[in-house]
Amino acid sequence: MEFIANEKITEELVGSFNEEMTYELAKRLEDDNYNSPFDGLKDWHLLRALAINRPELTTNYNHLLDQEPFDEN
């Protein structure tokens, strides 16, 4: 299942993911071969939603989330 660009990230979508689907999502992000930067950003947001709601699926892909603390000041 590939995340469709205009598809909203819902509880149902996040709940439908399994390990194989998460791997495919992470692989797309690692390959970074998107037609537009917005397509990659949508996948990133989906992986982030999975990390928040289904962390057991994203343990191996935390490096793709780049969640290091930073100071905006």
PDB file of N, CA and C in Angstrom:
ATOM      1  N   MET A   1       0.839  -1.182   0.000  1.00  0.00           N
ATOM      2  CA  MET A   1       0.000   0.000   0.000  1.00  0.00           C
ATOM      3  C   MET A   1       0.879   1.239   0.000  1.00  0.00           C
ATOM      4  N   GLU A   2       0.687   2.093  -0.948  1.00  0.00           N
ATOM      5  CA  GLU A   2       1.450   3.325  -1.001  1.00  0.00           C
ATOM      6  C   GLU A   2       0.549   4.474  -0.590  1.00  0.00           C
ATOM      7  N   PHE A   3       1.096   5.359   0.217  1.00  0.00           N
ATOM      8  CA  PHE A   3       0.358   6.530   0.660  1.00  0.00           C
ATOM      9  C   PHE A   3       0.079   7.405  -0.548  1.00  0.00           C
ATOM     10  N   ILE A   4      -1.179   7.716  -0.781  1.00  0.00           N
ATOM     11  CA  ILE A   4      -1.580   8.523  -1.920  1.00  0.00           C
ATOM     12  C   ILE A   4      -1.498   9.989  -1.527  1.00  0.00           C
ATOM     13  N   ALA A   5      -0.950  10.813  -2.418  1.00  0.00           N
ATOM     14  CA  ALA A   5      -0.627  12.204  -2.108  1.00  0.00           C
ATOM     15  C   ALA A   5      -1.780  12.971  -1.476  1.00  0.00           C
ATOM     16  N   ASN A   6      -2.996  12.787  -1.937  1.00  0.00           N
ATOM     17  CA  ASN A   6      -4.099  13.576  -1.407  1.00  0.00           C
ATOM     18  C   ASN A   6      -4.845  12.856  -0.275  1.00  0.00           C
ATOM     19  N   GLU A   7      -4.322  11.735   0.156  1.00  0.00           N
ATOM     20  CA  GLU A   7      -4.944  10.976   1.241  1.00  0.00           C
ATOM     21  C   GLU A   7      -4.570  11.591   2.587  1.00  0.00           C
ATOM     22  N   LYS A   8      -5.552  11.750   3.439  1.00  0.00           N
ATOM     23  CA  LYS A   8      -5.297  12.303   4.770  1.00  0.00           C
ATOM     24  C   LYS A   8      -4.768  11.211   5.687  1.00  0.00           C
ATOM     25  N   ILE A   9      -3.933  11.623   6.615  1.00  0.00           N
ATOM     26  CA  ILE A   9      -3.423  10.692   7.610  1.00  0.00           C
ATOM     27  C   ILE A   9      -4.478  10.583   8.699  1.00  0.00           C
ATOM     28  N   THR A  10      -5.109   9.431   8.762  1.00  0.00           N
ATOM     29  CA  THR A  10      -6.181   9.185   9.721  1.00  0.00           C
ATOM     30  C   THR A  10      -5.777   8.058  10.667  1.00  0.00           C
ATOM     31  N   GLU A  11      -6.561   7.899  11.729  1.00  0.00           N
ATOM     32  CA  GLU A  11      -6.331   6.777  12.644  1.00  0.00           C
ATOM     33  C   GLU A  11      -6.447   5.458  11.897  1.00  0.00           C
ATOM     34  N   GLU A  12      -7.391   5.391  10.968  1.00  0.00           N
ATOM     35  CA  GLU A  12      -7.588   4.157  10.203  1.00  0.00           C
ATOM     36  C   GLU A  12      -6.371   3.849   9.337  1.00  0.00           C
ATOM     37  N   LEU A  13      -5.823   4.882   8.692  1.00  0.00           N
ATOM     38  CA  LEU A  13      -4.641   4.674   7.853  1.00  0.00           C
ATOM     39  C   LEU A  13      -3.471   4.197   8.706  1.00  0.00           C
ATOM     40  N   VAL A  14      -3.216   4.900   9.799  1.00  0.00           N
ATOM     41  CA  VAL A  14      -2.120   4.521  10.691  1.00  0.00           C
ATOM     42  C   VAL A  14      -2.351   3.119  11.253  1.00  0.00           C
ATOM     43  N   GLY A  15      -3.583   2.811  11.620  1.00  0.00           N
ATOM     44  CA  GLY A  15      -3.909   1.499  12.166  1.00  0.00           C
ATOM     45  C   GLY A  15      -3.787   0.374  11.159  1.00  0.00           C
ATOM     46  N   SER A  16      -3.860   0.708   9.878  1.00  0.00           N
ATOM     47  CA  SER A  16      -3.785  -0.323   8.842  1.00  0.00           C
ATOM     48  C   SER A  16      -2.356  -0.743   8.523  1.00  0.00           C
ATOM     49  N   PHE A  17      -1.369  -0.004   9.025  1.00  0.00           N
ATOM     50  CA  PHE A  17       0.020  -0.307   8.689  1.00  0.00           C
ATOM     51  C   PHE A  17       0.520  -1.526   9.442  1.00  0.00           C
ATOM     52  N   ASN A  18       1.383  -2.277   8.760  1.00  0.00           N
ATOM     53  CA  ASN A  18       2.074  -3.405   9.372  1.00  0.00           C
ATOM     54  C   ASN A  18       3.572  -3.214   9.139  1.00  0.00           C
ATOM     55  N   GLU A  19       4.380  -4.173   9.543  1.00  0.00           N
ATOM     56  CA  GLU A  19       5.833  -4.041   9.426  1.00  0.00           C
ATOM     57  C   GLU A  19       6.283  -3.898   7.973  1.00  0.00           C
ATOM     58  N   GLU A  20       5.695  -4.681   7.082  1.00  0.00           N
ATOM     59  CA  GLU A  20       6.086  -4.613   5.671  1.00  0.00           C
ATOM     60  C   GLU A  20       5.754  -3.252   5.054  1.00  0.00           C
ATOM     61  N   MET A  21       4.592  -2.736   5.364  1.00  0.00           N
ATOM     62  CA  MET A  21       4.187  -1.431   4.828  1.00  0.00           C
ATOM     63  C   MET A  21       5.088  -0.325   5.373  1.00  0.00           C
ATOM     64  N   THR A  22       5.443  -0.425   6.649  1.00  0.00           N
ATOM     65  CA  THR A  22       6.329   0.567   7.258  1.00  0.00           C
ATOM     66  C   THR A  22       7.711   0.494   6.625  1.00  0.00           C
ATOM     67  N   TYR A  23       8.180  -0.715   6.356  1.00  0.00           N
ATOM     68  CA  TYR A  23       9.470  -0.880   5.680  1.00  0.00           C
ATOM     69  C   TYR A  23       9.453  -0.204   4.307  1.00  0.00           C
ATOM     70  N   GLU A  24       8.388  -0.410   3.551  1.00  0.00           N
ATOM     71  CA  GLU A  24       8.287   0.191   2.217  1.00  0.00           C
ATOM     72  C   GLU A  24       8.272   1.719   2.304  1.00  0.00           C
ATOM     73  N   LEU A  25       7.574   2.246   3.287  1.00  0.00           N
ATOM     74  CA  LEU A  25       7.541   3.688   3.501  1.00  0.00           C
ATOM     75  C   LEU A  25       8.944   4.201   3.817  1.00  0.00           C
ATOM     76  N   ALA A  26       9.623   3.537   4.726  1.00  0.00           N
ATOM     77  CA  ALA A  26      10.979   3.945   5.107  1.00  0.00           C
ATOM     78  C   ALA A  26      11.943   3.823   3.928  1.00  0.00           C
ATOM     79  N   LYS A  27      11.772   2.791   3.126  1.00  0.00           N
ATOM     80  CA  LYS A  27      12.636   2.612   1.950  1.00  0.00           C
ATOM     81  C   LYS A  27      12.457   3.768   0.974  1.00  0.00           C
ATOM     82  N   ARG A  28      11.211   4.182   0.749  1.00  0.00           N
ATOM     83  CA  ARG A  28      10.969   5.331  -0.136  1.00  0.00           C
ATOM     84  C   ARG A  28      11.661   6.578   0.406  1.00  0.00           C
ATOM     85  N   LEU A  29      11.576   6.773   1.723  1.00  0.00           N
ATOM     86  CA  LEU A  29      12.221   7.935   2.320  1.00  0.00           C
ATOM     87  C   LEU A  29      13.741   7.849   2.209  1.00  0.00           C
ATOM     88  N   GLU A  30      14.284   6.665   2.414  1.00  0.00           N
ATOM     89  CA  GLU A  30      15.737   6.488   2.291  1.00  0.00           C
ATOM     90  C   GLU A  30      16.199   6.707   0.860  1.00  0.00           C
ATOM     91  N   ASP A  31      15.440   6.188  -0.099  1.00  0.00           N
ATOM     92  CA  ASP A  31      15.811   6.335  -1.513  1.00  0.00           C
ATOM     93  C   ASP A  31      15.698   7.779  -1.972  1.00  0.00           C
ATOM     94  N   ASP A  32      14.778   8.533  -1.379  1.00  0.00           N
ATOM     95  CA  ASP A  32      14.580   9.953  -1.669  1.00  0.00           C
ATOM     96  C   ASP A  32      14.509  10.230  -3.176  1.00  0.00           C
ATOM     97  N   ASN A  33      13.678   9.446  -3.845  1.00  0.00           N
ATOM     98  CA  ASN A  33      13.518   9.577  -5.292  1.00  0.00           C
ATOM     99  C   ASN A  33      12.076   9.995  -5.594  1.00  0.00           C
ATOM    100  N   TYR A  34      11.722  11.182  -5.152  1.00  0.00           N
ATOM    101  CA  TYR A  34      10.354  11.677  -5.291  1.00  0.00           C
ATOM    102  C   TYR A  34      10.258  12.638  -6.474  1.00  0.00           C
ATOM    103  N   ASN A  35       9.066  12.723  -7.049  1.00  0.00           N
ATOM    104  CA  ASN A  35       8.828  13.658  -8.141  1.00  0.00           C
ATOM    105  C   ASN A  35       8.837  15.098  -7.656  1.00  0.00           C
ATOM    106  N   SER A  36       8.438  15.308  -6.409  1.00  0.00           N
ATOM    107  CA  SER A  36       8.471  16.653  -5.836  1.00  0.00           C
ATOM    108  C   SER A  36       8.827  16.535  -4.360  1.00  0.00           C
ATOM    109  N   PRO A  37       9.368  17.596  -3.786  1.00  0.00           N
ATOM    110  CA  PRO A  37       9.693  17.559  -2.357  1.00  0.00           C
ATOM    111  C   PRO A  37       8.454  17.347  -1.493  1.00  0.00           C
ATOM    112  N   PHE A  38       7.310  17.761  -1.997  1.00  0.00           N
ATOM    113  CA  PHE A  38       6.080  17.615  -1.217  1.00  0.00           C
ATOM    114  C   PHE A  38       5.680  16.149  -1.062  1.00  0.00           C
ATOM    115  N   ASP A  39       5.977  15.315  -2.068  1.00  0.00           N
ATOM    116  CA  ASP A  39       5.687  13.886  -1.955  1.00  0.00           C
ATOM    117  C   ASP A  39       6.516  13.267  -0.832  1.00  0.00           C
ATOM    118  N   GLY A  40       7.781  13.637  -0.748  1.00  0.00           N
ATOM    119  CA  GLY A  40       8.640  13.144   0.320  1.00  0.00           C
ATOM    120  C   GLY A  40       8.184  13.632   1.681  1.00  0.00           C
ATOM    121  N   LEU A  41       7.741  14.884   1.736  1.00  0.00           N
ATOM    122  CA  LEU A  41       7.264  15.441   2.988  1.00  0.00           C
ATOM    123  C   LEU A  41       6.012  14.723   3.477  1.00  0.00           C
ATOM    124  N   LYS A  42       5.145  14.339   2.561  1.00  0.00           N
ATOM    125  CA  LYS A  42       3.934  13.601   2.943  1.00  0.00           C
ATOM    126  C   LYS A  42       4.295  12.243   3.534  1.00  0.00           C
ATOM    127  N   ASP A  43       5.265  11.552   2.912  1.00  0.00           N
ATOM    128  CA  ASP A  43       5.718  10.280   3.473  1.00  0.00           C
ATOM    129  C   ASP A  43       6.345  10.498   4.842  1.00  0.00           C
ATOM    130  N   TRP A  44       7.114  11.578   4.998  1.00  0.00           N
ATOM    131  CA  TRP A  44       7.757  11.865   6.279  1.00  0.00           C
ATOM    132  C   TRP A  44       6.699  12.085   7.361  1.00  0.00           C
ATOM    133  N   HIS A  45       5.642  12.824   7.029  1.00  0.00           N
ATOM    134  CA  HIS A  45       4.574  13.062   8.004  1.00  0.00           C
ATOM    135  C   HIS A  45       3.875  11.754   8.376  1.00  0.00           C
ATOM    136  N   LEU A  46       3.717  10.871   7.406  1.00  0.00           N
ATOM    137  CA  LEU A  46       3.106   9.575   7.698  1.00  0.00           C
ATOM    138  C   LEU A  46       4.005   8.759   8.624  1.00  0.00           C
ATOM    139  N   LEU A  47       5.300   8.735   8.363  1.00  0.00           N
ATOM    140  CA  LEU A  47       6.220   8.010   9.245  1.00  0.00           C
ATOM    141  C   LEU A  47       6.206   8.621  10.637  1.00  0.00           C
ATOM    142  N   ARG A  48       6.128   9.930  10.724  1.00  0.00           N
ATOM    143  CA  ARG A  48       6.056  10.608  12.021  1.00  0.00           C
ATOM    144  C   ARG A  48       4.777  10.212  12.767  1.00  0.00           C
ATOM    145  N   ALA A  49       3.653  10.153  12.052  1.00  0.00           N
ATOM    146  CA  ALA A  49       2.399   9.726  12.674  1.00  0.00           C
ATOM    147  C   ALA A  49       2.502   8.290  13.172  1.00  0.00           C
ATOM    148  N   LEU A  50       3.167   7.447  12.405  1.00  0.00           N
ATOM    149  CA  LEU A  50       3.377   6.068  12.849  1.00  0.00           C
ATOM    150  C   LEU A  50       4.263   6.028  14.089  1.00  0.00           C
ATOM    151  N   ALA A  51       5.303   6.848  14.121  1.00  0.00           N
ATOM    152  CA  ALA A  51       6.210   6.873  15.274  1.00  0.00           C
ATOM    153  C   ALA A  51       5.481   7.307  16.540  1.00  0.00           C
ATOM    154  N   ILE A  52       4.529   8.199  16.400  1.00  0.00           N
ATOM    155  CA  ILE A  52       3.779   8.683  17.555  1.00  0.00           C
ATOM    156  C   ILE A  52       2.739   7.661  18.000  1.00  0.00           C
ATOM    157  N   ASN A  53       2.022   7.091  17.041  1.00  0.00           N
ATOM    158  CA  ASN A  53       0.893   6.215  17.362  1.00  0.00           C
ATOM    159  C   ASN A  53       1.203   4.733  17.344  1.00  0.00           C
ATOM    160  N   ARG A  54       2.222   4.340  16.610  1.00  0.00           N
ATOM    161  CA  ARG A  54       2.588   2.922  16.510  1.00  0.00           C
ATOM    162  C   ARG A  54       4.109   2.782  16.603  1.00  0.00           C
ATOM    163  N   PRO A  55       4.718   3.223  17.679  1.00  0.00           N
ATOM    164  CA  PRO A  55       6.184   3.269  17.766  1.00  0.00           C
ATOM    165  C   PRO A  55       6.854   1.913  17.563  1.00  0.00           C
ATOM    166  N   GLU A  56       6.140   0.841  17.826  1.00  0.00           N
ATOM    167  CA  GLU A  56       6.730  -0.488  17.625  1.00  0.00           C
ATOM    168  C   GLU A  56       7.059  -0.755  16.161  1.00  0.00           C
ATOM    169  N   LEU A  57       6.410  -0.037  15.254  1.00  0.00           N
ATOM    170  CA  LEU A  57       6.669  -0.219  13.817  1.00  0.00           C
ATOM    171  C   LEU A  57       7.840   0.617  13.317  1.00  0.00           C
ATOM    172  N   THR A  58       8.229   1.639  14.055  1.00  0.00           N
ATOM    173  CA  THR A  58       9.213   2.590  13.520  1.00  0.00           C
ATOM    174  C   THR A  58      10.550   2.584  14.241  1.00  0.00           C
ATOM    175  N   THR A  59      10.744   1.674  15.155  1.00  0.00           N
ATOM    176  CA  THR A  59      11.975   1.641  15.945  1.00  0.00           C
ATOM    177  C   THR A  59      13.221   1.675  15.069  1.00  0.00           C
ATOM    178  N   ASN A  60      13.225   0.946  13.982  1.00  0.00           N
ATOM    179  CA  ASN A  60      14.401   0.872  13.106  1.00  0.00           C
ATOM    180  C   ASN A  60      14.536   2.068  12.178  1.00  0.00           C
ATOM    181  N   TYR A  61      13.580   2.977  12.197  1.00  0.00           N
ATOM    182  CA  TYR A  61      13.577   4.077  11.227  1.00  0.00           C
ATOM    183  C   TYR A  61      13.587   5.452  11.885  1.00  0.00           C
ATOM    184  N   ASN A  62      13.897   5.506  13.169  1.00  0.00           N
ATOM    185  CA  ASN A  62      13.921   6.789  13.861  1.00  0.00           C
ATOM    186  C   ASN A  62      14.922   7.761  13.253  1.00  0.00           C
ATOM    187  N   HIS A  63      15.975   7.253  12.653  1.00  0.00           N
ATOM    188  CA  HIS A  63      16.975   8.132  12.037  1.00  0.00           C
ATOM    189  C   HIS A  63      16.379   8.940  10.881  1.00  0.00           C
ATOM    190  N   LEU A  64      15.283   8.478  10.307  1.00  0.00           N
ATOM    191  CA  LEU A  64      14.642   9.197   9.209  1.00  0.00           C
ATOM    192  C   LEU A  64      13.789  10.360   9.701  1.00  0.00           C
ATOM    193  N   LEU A  65      13.496  10.379  10.979  1.00  0.00           N
ATOM    194  CA  LEU A  65      12.621  11.415  11.516  1.00  0.00           C
ATOM    195  C   LEU A  65      13.360  12.678  11.928  1.00  0.00           C
ATOM    196  N   ASP A  66      14.650  12.581  12.156  1.00  0.00           N
ATOM    197  CA  ASP A  66      15.465  13.755  12.468  1.00  0.00           C
ATOM    198  C   ASP A  66      14.813  14.587  13.559  1.00  0.00           C
ATOM    199  N   GLN A  67      14.591  13.971  14.700  1.00  0.00           N
ATOM    200  CA  GLN A  67      13.896  14.626  15.796  1.00  0.00           C
ATOM    201  C   GLN A  67      14.864  15.108  16.874  1.00  0.00           C
ATOM    202  N   GLU A  68      15.932  15.733  16.478  1.00  0.00           N
ATOM    203  CA  GLU A  68      16.863  16.255  17.448  1.00  0.00           C
ATOM    204  C   GLU A  68      16.334  17.581  17.996  1.00  0.00           C
ATOM    205  N   PRO A  69      16.511  17.799  19.302  1.00  0.00           N
ATOM    206  CA  PRO A  69      16.037  19.069  19.863  1.00  0.00           C
ATOM    207  C   PRO A  69      16.845  20.236  19.312  1.00  0.00           C
ATOM    208  N   PHE A  70      16.190  21.371  19.171  1.00  0.00           N
ATOM    209  CA  PHE A  70      16.888  22.554  18.702  1.00  0.00           C
ATOM    210  C   PHE A  70      16.255  23.784  19.343  1.00  0.00           C
ATOM    211  N   ASP A  71      17.012  24.849  19.334  1.00  0.00           N
ATOM    212  CA  ASP A  71      16.564  26.113  19.913  1.00  0.00           C
ATOM    213  C   ASP A  71      16.226  27.064  18.774  1.00  0.00           C
ATOM    214  N   GLU A  72      14.996  27.554  18.757  1.00  0.00           N
ATOM    215  CA  GLU A  72      14.568  28.433  17.672  1.00  0.00           C
ATOM    216  C   GLU A  72      15.004  29.880  17.895  1.00  0.00           C
ATOM    217  N   ASN A  73      15.531  30.194  19.068  1.00  0.00           N
ATOM    218  CA  ASN A  73      15.927  31.586  19.349  1.00  0.00           C
ATOM    219  C   ASN A  73      17.271  31.924  18.776  1.00  0.00           C
TER     220      ASN A  73
END
